[in-house]
């Protein structure tokens, strides 16, 4: 597969929950050839930060839209045609969850879209 796109946008909705006032999330992109997501990807370091998103549980769900044109074009140029993203809760990584309470956000599966303009 080769070619390029004029614009690519990743859309998703984060639904926060828990006691912290806010959560800082980082959307990351896997680098290199990447197969479908595996359990090992939870700890993989083969990623680059793409964007930071702060959400507050009291404000409810947050739609997120990120421009990912460069990543999509790189995947097309490499011939893989596949791009894999992950969302990491940096607040929990930094502060932990010592009381073992529900904390973080869910990605609403039906909201995940990759929009392409040729």
N, C-alpha and C. Protein backbone atom coordinates (compact mmCIF):
# COMPACT_ATOMS: atom_id res chain seq x y z
N UNK A 1 0.85 -1.17 0.00
CA UNK A 1 0.00 0.00 0.00
C UNK A 1 0.90 1.23 0.00
N UNK A 2 0.65 2.16 -0.87
CA UNK A 2 1.45 3.38 -0.88
C UNK A 2 0.53 4.55 -1.15
N UNK A 3 1.09 5.74 -1.02
CA UNK A 3 0.31 6.95 -1.21
C UNK A 3 0.36 7.80 0.02
N UNK A 4 -0.50 8.79 0.03
CA UNK A 4 -0.56 9.65 1.21
C UNK A 4 -1.97 10.21 1.33
N UNK A 5 -2.26 10.71 2.50
CA UNK A 5 -3.56 11.33 2.76
C UNK A 5 -3.35 12.80 3.05
N UNK A 6 -4.35 13.59 2.77
CA UNK A 6 -4.26 15.03 3.03
C UNK A 6 -4.39 15.31 4.53
N UNK A 7 -5.32 14.59 5.16
CA UNK A 7 -5.50 14.76 6.61
C UNK A 7 -6.08 13.49 7.21
N UNK A 8 -5.61 13.18 8.42
CA UNK A 8 -6.14 12.04 9.18
C UNK A 8 -6.39 12.52 10.61
N UNK A 9 -7.58 12.17 11.13
CA UNK A 9 -7.95 12.57 12.49
C UNK A 9 -8.39 11.35 13.28
N UNK A 10 -7.86 11.23 14.48
CA UNK A 10 -8.27 10.18 15.41
C UNK A 10 -9.29 10.80 16.36
N UNK A 11 -10.47 10.19 16.42
CA UNK A 11 -11.51 10.67 17.33
C UNK A 11 -11.82 9.58 18.34
N UNK A 12 -11.99 9.98 19.59
CA UNK A 12 -12.40 9.05 20.63
C UNK A 12 -13.01 9.83 21.77
N UNK A 13 -13.74 9.14 22.61
CA UNK A 13 -14.36 9.77 23.77
C UNK A 13 -13.87 9.07 25.02
N UNK A 14 -13.37 9.87 25.98
CA UNK A 14 -12.93 9.35 27.27
C UNK A 14 -14.02 9.61 28.30
N UNK A 15 -14.37 8.58 29.04
CA UNK A 15 -15.38 8.70 30.10
C UNK A 15 -14.67 8.51 31.44
N UNK A 16 -14.37 9.63 32.13
CA UNK A 16 -13.60 9.55 33.37
C UNK A 16 -14.44 9.11 34.57
N UNK A 17 -13.77 8.53 35.55
CA UNK A 17 -14.43 8.16 36.81
C UNK A 17 -13.38 8.16 37.91
N UNK A 18 -13.85 8.26 39.14
CA UNK A 18 -12.94 8.19 40.27
C UNK A 18 -12.95 9.43 41.14
N UNK A 19 -12.02 9.47 42.10
CA UNK A 19 -11.99 10.52 43.10
C UNK A 19 -11.03 11.66 42.80
N UNK A 20 -10.02 11.43 41.95
CA UNK A 20 -9.08 12.50 41.65
C UNK A 20 -9.82 13.64 40.93
N UNK A 21 -9.38 14.86 41.19
CA UNK A 21 -10.01 16.02 40.55
C UNK A 21 -9.79 16.03 39.05
N UNK A 22 -8.62 15.61 38.62
CA UNK A 22 -8.36 15.56 37.19
C UNK A 22 -7.36 14.45 36.88
N UNK A 23 -7.36 14.06 35.63
CA UNK A 23 -6.45 13.03 35.14
C UNK A 23 -5.75 13.56 33.90
N UNK A 24 -4.46 13.32 33.83
CA UNK A 24 -3.72 13.67 32.63
C UNK A 24 -3.47 12.39 31.85
N UNK A 25 -4.01 12.35 30.65
CA UNK A 25 -3.83 11.19 29.78
C UNK A 25 -2.87 11.55 28.66
N UNK A 26 -2.14 10.54 28.21
CA UNK A 26 -1.25 10.72 27.08
C UNK A 26 -1.67 9.73 26.00
N UNK A 27 -1.93 10.26 24.82
CA UNK A 27 -2.20 9.40 23.68
C UNK A 27 -0.86 9.13 23.02
N UNK A 28 -0.56 7.86 22.81
CA UNK A 28 0.74 7.46 22.26
C UNK A 28 0.53 6.67 20.97
N UNK A 29 1.58 6.67 20.16
CA UNK A 29 1.56 5.90 18.92
C UNK A 29 2.72 4.91 18.96
N UNK A 30 2.45 3.68 18.58
CA UNK A 30 3.50 2.68 18.50
C UNK A 30 4.34 2.94 17.25
N UNK A 31 5.63 2.76 17.38
CA UNK A 31 6.56 2.93 16.25
C UNK A 31 6.98 1.57 15.73
N UNK A 32 7.48 1.54 14.53
CA UNK A 32 7.92 0.27 13.95
C UNK A 32 6.74 -0.54 13.47
N UNK A 33 7.03 -1.71 12.96
CA UNK A 33 5.97 -2.60 12.50
C UNK A 33 5.25 -3.13 13.73
N UNK A 34 3.96 -3.03 13.72
CA UNK A 34 3.21 -3.43 14.90
C UNK A 34 1.99 -4.25 14.50
N UNK A 35 1.93 -5.43 15.05
CA UNK A 35 0.80 -6.32 14.81
C UNK A 35 -0.38 -5.86 15.65
N UNK A 36 -1.49 -6.56 15.58
CA UNK A 36 -2.60 -6.21 16.46
C UNK A 36 -2.14 -6.14 17.92
N UNK A 37 -2.85 -5.40 18.71
CA UNK A 37 -2.48 -5.15 20.10
C UNK A 37 -2.37 -6.47 20.87
N UNK A 38 -1.31 -6.57 21.68
CA UNK A 38 -1.05 -7.75 22.50
C UNK A 38 -0.98 -7.34 23.96
N UNK A 39 -1.06 -8.30 24.86
CA UNK A 39 -0.96 -8.01 26.30
C UNK A 39 0.37 -7.34 26.61
N UNK A 40 1.43 -7.71 25.92
CA UNK A 40 2.77 -7.15 26.12
C UNK A 40 2.79 -5.63 25.89
N UNK A 41 1.85 -5.13 25.09
CA UNK A 41 1.84 -3.70 24.75
C UNK A 41 1.54 -2.81 25.95
N UNK A 42 1.02 -3.38 27.02
CA UNK A 42 0.77 -2.58 28.22
C UNK A 42 2.06 -2.01 28.78
N UNK A 43 3.18 -2.71 28.59
CA UNK A 43 4.46 -2.24 29.13
C UNK A 43 5.47 -1.89 28.05
N UNK A 44 5.10 -1.99 26.80
CA UNK A 44 6.03 -1.73 25.70
C UNK A 44 6.53 -0.29 25.72
N UNK A 45 7.81 -0.12 25.43
CA UNK A 45 8.40 1.21 25.34
C UNK A 45 8.54 1.69 23.91
N UNK A 46 8.01 0.92 22.96
CA UNK A 46 8.13 1.25 21.54
C UNK A 46 7.04 2.25 21.13
N UNK A 47 6.96 3.37 21.85
CA UNK A 47 5.92 4.36 21.59
C UNK A 47 6.50 5.77 21.59
N UNK A 48 5.73 6.67 21.00
CA UNK A 48 6.04 8.10 21.05
C UNK A 48 4.79 8.82 21.54
N UNK A 49 4.96 9.84 22.38
CA UNK A 49 3.79 10.62 22.79
C UNK A 49 3.22 11.37 21.58
N UNK A 50 1.91 11.40 21.51
CA UNK A 50 1.24 12.10 20.42
C UNK A 50 0.53 13.34 20.95
N UNK A 51 -0.11 13.22 22.11
CA UNK A 51 -0.84 14.36 22.68
C UNK A 51 -1.11 14.13 24.16
N UNK A 52 -1.28 15.23 24.88
CA UNK A 52 -1.69 15.20 26.29
C UNK A 52 -3.13 15.69 26.36
N UNK A 53 -3.93 15.01 27.17
CA UNK A 53 -5.33 15.39 27.34
C UNK A 53 -5.63 15.37 28.83
N UNK A 54 -6.16 16.46 29.37
CA UNK A 54 -6.55 16.51 30.78
C UNK A 54 -8.07 16.44 30.86
N UNK A 55 -8.57 15.53 31.69
CA UNK A 55 -10.01 15.43 31.88
C UNK A 55 -10.33 15.44 33.36
N UNK A 56 -11.52 15.90 33.66
CA UNK A 56 -11.99 15.99 35.04
C UNK A 56 -13.26 15.14 35.17
N UNK A 57 -13.24 14.16 36.07
CA UNK A 57 -14.42 13.30 36.23
C UNK A 57 -15.71 14.07 36.46
N UNK A 58 -15.65 15.18 37.17
CA UNK A 58 -16.86 15.94 37.47
C UNK A 58 -17.47 16.58 36.22
N UNK A 59 -16.68 16.73 35.16
CA UNK A 59 -17.17 17.35 33.93
C UNK A 59 -17.77 16.33 32.96
N UNK A 60 -17.65 15.05 33.26
CA UNK A 60 -18.24 14.03 32.41
C UNK A 60 -17.37 13.65 31.22
N UNK A 61 -17.99 13.03 30.22
CA UNK A 61 -17.24 12.51 29.08
C UNK A 61 -16.58 13.64 28.29
N UNK A 62 -15.44 13.30 27.70
CA UNK A 62 -14.71 14.30 26.92
C UNK A 62 -14.39 13.75 25.54
N UNK A 63 -14.95 14.38 24.49
CA UNK A 63 -14.56 13.99 23.14
C UNK A 63 -13.16 14.51 22.85
N UNK A 64 -12.36 13.70 22.19
CA UNK A 64 -10.98 14.07 21.87
C UNK A 64 -10.81 13.90 20.36
N UNK A 65 -10.19 14.89 19.71
CA UNK A 65 -9.88 14.77 18.29
C UNK A 65 -8.43 15.18 18.09
N UNK A 66 -7.63 14.29 17.51
CA UNK A 66 -6.21 14.54 17.29
C UNK A 66 -5.87 14.38 15.82
N UNK A 67 -5.02 15.25 15.32
CA UNK A 67 -4.53 15.12 13.96
C UNK A 67 -3.40 14.10 13.95
N UNK A 68 -3.55 13.07 13.13
CA UNK A 68 -2.57 11.98 13.07
C UNK A 68 -2.09 11.76 11.63
N UNK A 69 -2.13 12.81 10.84
CA UNK A 69 -1.79 12.72 9.42
C UNK A 69 -0.39 12.17 9.20
N UNK A 70 0.58 12.69 9.93
CA UNK A 70 1.96 12.25 9.75
C UNK A 70 2.11 10.75 10.03
N UNK A 71 1.49 10.28 11.09
CA UNK A 71 1.58 8.86 11.44
C UNK A 71 0.95 7.97 10.37
N UNK A 72 -0.19 8.37 9.86
CA UNK A 72 -0.86 7.58 8.82
C UNK A 72 -0.02 7.57 7.55
N UNK A 73 0.50 8.72 7.16
CA UNK A 73 1.33 8.78 5.95
C UNK A 73 2.61 7.95 6.10
N UNK A 74 3.20 7.95 7.28
CA UNK A 74 4.39 7.12 7.50
C UNK A 74 4.05 5.63 7.36
N UNK A 75 2.89 5.24 7.87
CA UNK A 75 2.47 3.84 7.75
C UNK A 75 2.23 3.46 6.29
N UNK A 76 1.66 4.37 5.54
CA UNK A 76 1.43 4.11 4.12
C UNK A 76 2.74 4.02 3.36
N UNK A 77 3.66 4.94 3.66
CA UNK A 77 4.96 4.95 2.97
C UNK A 77 5.78 3.71 3.29
N UNK A 78 5.65 3.20 4.52
CA UNK A 78 6.42 2.01 4.91
C UNK A 78 5.84 0.73 4.31
N UNK A 79 4.61 0.83 3.83
CA UNK A 79 3.96 -0.34 3.25
C UNK A 79 3.14 -1.15 4.23
N UNK A 80 3.17 -0.78 5.52
CA UNK A 80 2.40 -1.55 6.51
C UNK A 80 0.92 -1.19 6.47
N UNK A 81 0.63 0.08 6.31
CA UNK A 81 -0.76 0.52 6.28
C UNK A 81 -1.48 0.37 7.60
N UNK A 82 -0.73 0.18 8.69
CA UNK A 82 -1.35 -0.01 10.01
C UNK A 82 -0.75 0.97 11.02
N UNK A 83 -1.60 1.54 11.84
CA UNK A 83 -1.17 2.45 12.89
C UNK A 83 -1.87 2.01 14.18
N UNK A 84 -1.11 1.93 15.28
CA UNK A 84 -1.67 1.51 16.56
C UNK A 84 -1.42 2.60 17.60
N UNK A 85 -2.48 2.95 18.33
CA UNK A 85 -2.41 3.98 19.36
C UNK A 85 -2.74 3.35 20.71
N UNK A 86 -2.32 4.01 21.80
CA UNK A 86 -2.77 3.62 23.13
C UNK A 86 -2.95 4.88 23.96
N UNK A 87 -3.78 4.77 25.00
CA UNK A 87 -4.05 5.87 25.91
C UNK A 87 -3.53 5.46 27.29
N UNK A 88 -2.69 6.32 27.88
CA UNK A 88 -2.06 6.02 29.17
C UNK A 88 -2.50 7.08 30.19
N UNK A 89 -2.88 6.65 31.38
CA UNK A 89 -3.25 7.58 32.46
C UNK A 89 -1.97 7.94 33.21
N UNK A 90 -1.41 9.10 32.91
CA UNK A 90 -0.17 9.55 33.54
C UNK A 90 -0.37 9.89 35.02
N UNK A 91 -1.56 10.31 35.39
CA UNK A 91 -1.84 10.64 36.79
C UNK A 91 -1.71 9.39 37.66
N UNK A 92 -2.29 8.29 37.24
CA UNK A 92 -2.20 7.04 38.00
C UNK A 92 -0.76 6.53 38.00
N UNK A 93 -0.06 6.66 36.88
CA UNK A 93 1.34 6.24 36.85
C UNK A 93 2.18 7.03 37.84
N UNK A 94 1.88 8.31 37.97
CA UNK A 94 2.66 9.19 38.84
C UNK A 94 2.26 9.04 40.31
N UNK A 95 0.97 9.03 40.60
CA UNK A 95 0.49 9.04 41.98
C UNK A 95 0.12 7.66 42.52
N UNK A 96 -0.14 6.73 41.64
CA UNK A 96 -0.57 5.41 42.08
C UNK A 96 -2.03 5.40 42.47
N UNK A 97 -2.47 4.28 42.93
CA UNK A 97 -3.85 4.09 43.36
C UNK A 97 -3.81 3.28 44.64
N UNK A 98 -3.28 3.90 45.70
CA UNK A 98 -3.02 3.21 46.96
C UNK A 98 -4.26 2.64 47.63
N UNK A 99 -5.40 3.26 47.42
CA UNK A 99 -6.63 2.78 48.07
C UNK A 99 -7.35 1.74 47.22
N UNK A 100 -6.78 1.42 46.07
CA UNK A 100 -7.34 0.41 45.17
C UNK A 100 -8.80 0.69 44.84
N UNK A 101 -9.08 1.94 44.52
CA UNK A 101 -10.43 2.37 44.13
C UNK A 101 -10.50 2.48 42.61
N UNK A 102 -11.71 2.45 42.07
CA UNK A 102 -11.89 2.67 40.64
C UNK A 102 -11.41 4.07 40.30
N UNK A 103 -10.52 4.18 39.35
CA UNK A 103 -9.92 5.47 39.03
C UNK A 103 -9.42 5.43 37.60
N UNK A 104 -9.72 6.45 36.81
CA UNK A 104 -9.21 6.52 35.45
C UNK A 104 -10.27 6.94 34.46
N UNK A 105 -10.29 6.28 33.32
CA UNK A 105 -11.27 6.58 32.28
C UNK A 105 -11.40 5.37 31.36
N UNK A 106 -12.56 5.25 30.78
CA UNK A 106 -12.74 4.24 29.75
C UNK A 106 -12.79 4.95 28.40
N UNK A 107 -12.33 4.26 27.39
CA UNK A 107 -12.47 4.76 26.02
C UNK A 107 -13.76 4.14 25.50
N UNK A 108 -14.70 4.98 25.12
CA UNK A 108 -15.97 4.47 24.62
C UNK A 108 -15.74 3.87 23.23
N UNK A 109 -15.82 2.56 23.14
CA UNK A 109 -15.44 1.85 21.92
C UNK A 109 -16.16 2.37 20.67
N UNK A 110 -17.43 2.65 20.78
CA UNK A 110 -18.19 3.11 19.61
C UNK A 110 -17.74 4.49 19.13
N UNK A 111 -17.00 5.21 19.97
CA UNK A 111 -16.58 6.56 19.59
C UNK A 111 -15.28 6.59 18.80
N UNK A 112 -14.55 5.49 18.79
CA UNK A 112 -13.22 5.49 18.16
C UNK A 112 -13.37 5.47 16.64
N UNK A 113 -12.80 6.51 16.01
CA UNK A 113 -12.86 6.64 14.55
C UNK A 113 -11.54 7.18 14.04
N UNK A 114 -11.15 6.74 12.87
CA UNK A 114 -10.02 7.32 12.17
C UNK A 114 -10.58 7.89 10.88
N UNK A 115 -10.66 9.21 10.81
CA UNK A 115 -11.20 9.88 9.63
C UNK A 115 -10.07 10.23 8.68
N UNK A 116 -10.25 9.92 7.42
CA UNK A 116 -9.22 10.15 6.41
C UNK A 116 -9.77 11.05 5.31
N UNK A 117 -8.99 12.06 4.94
CA UNK A 117 -9.28 12.89 3.77
C UNK A 117 -8.17 12.67 2.77
N UNK A 118 -8.52 12.22 1.57
CA UNK A 118 -7.50 11.97 0.54
C UNK A 118 -7.17 13.20 -0.25
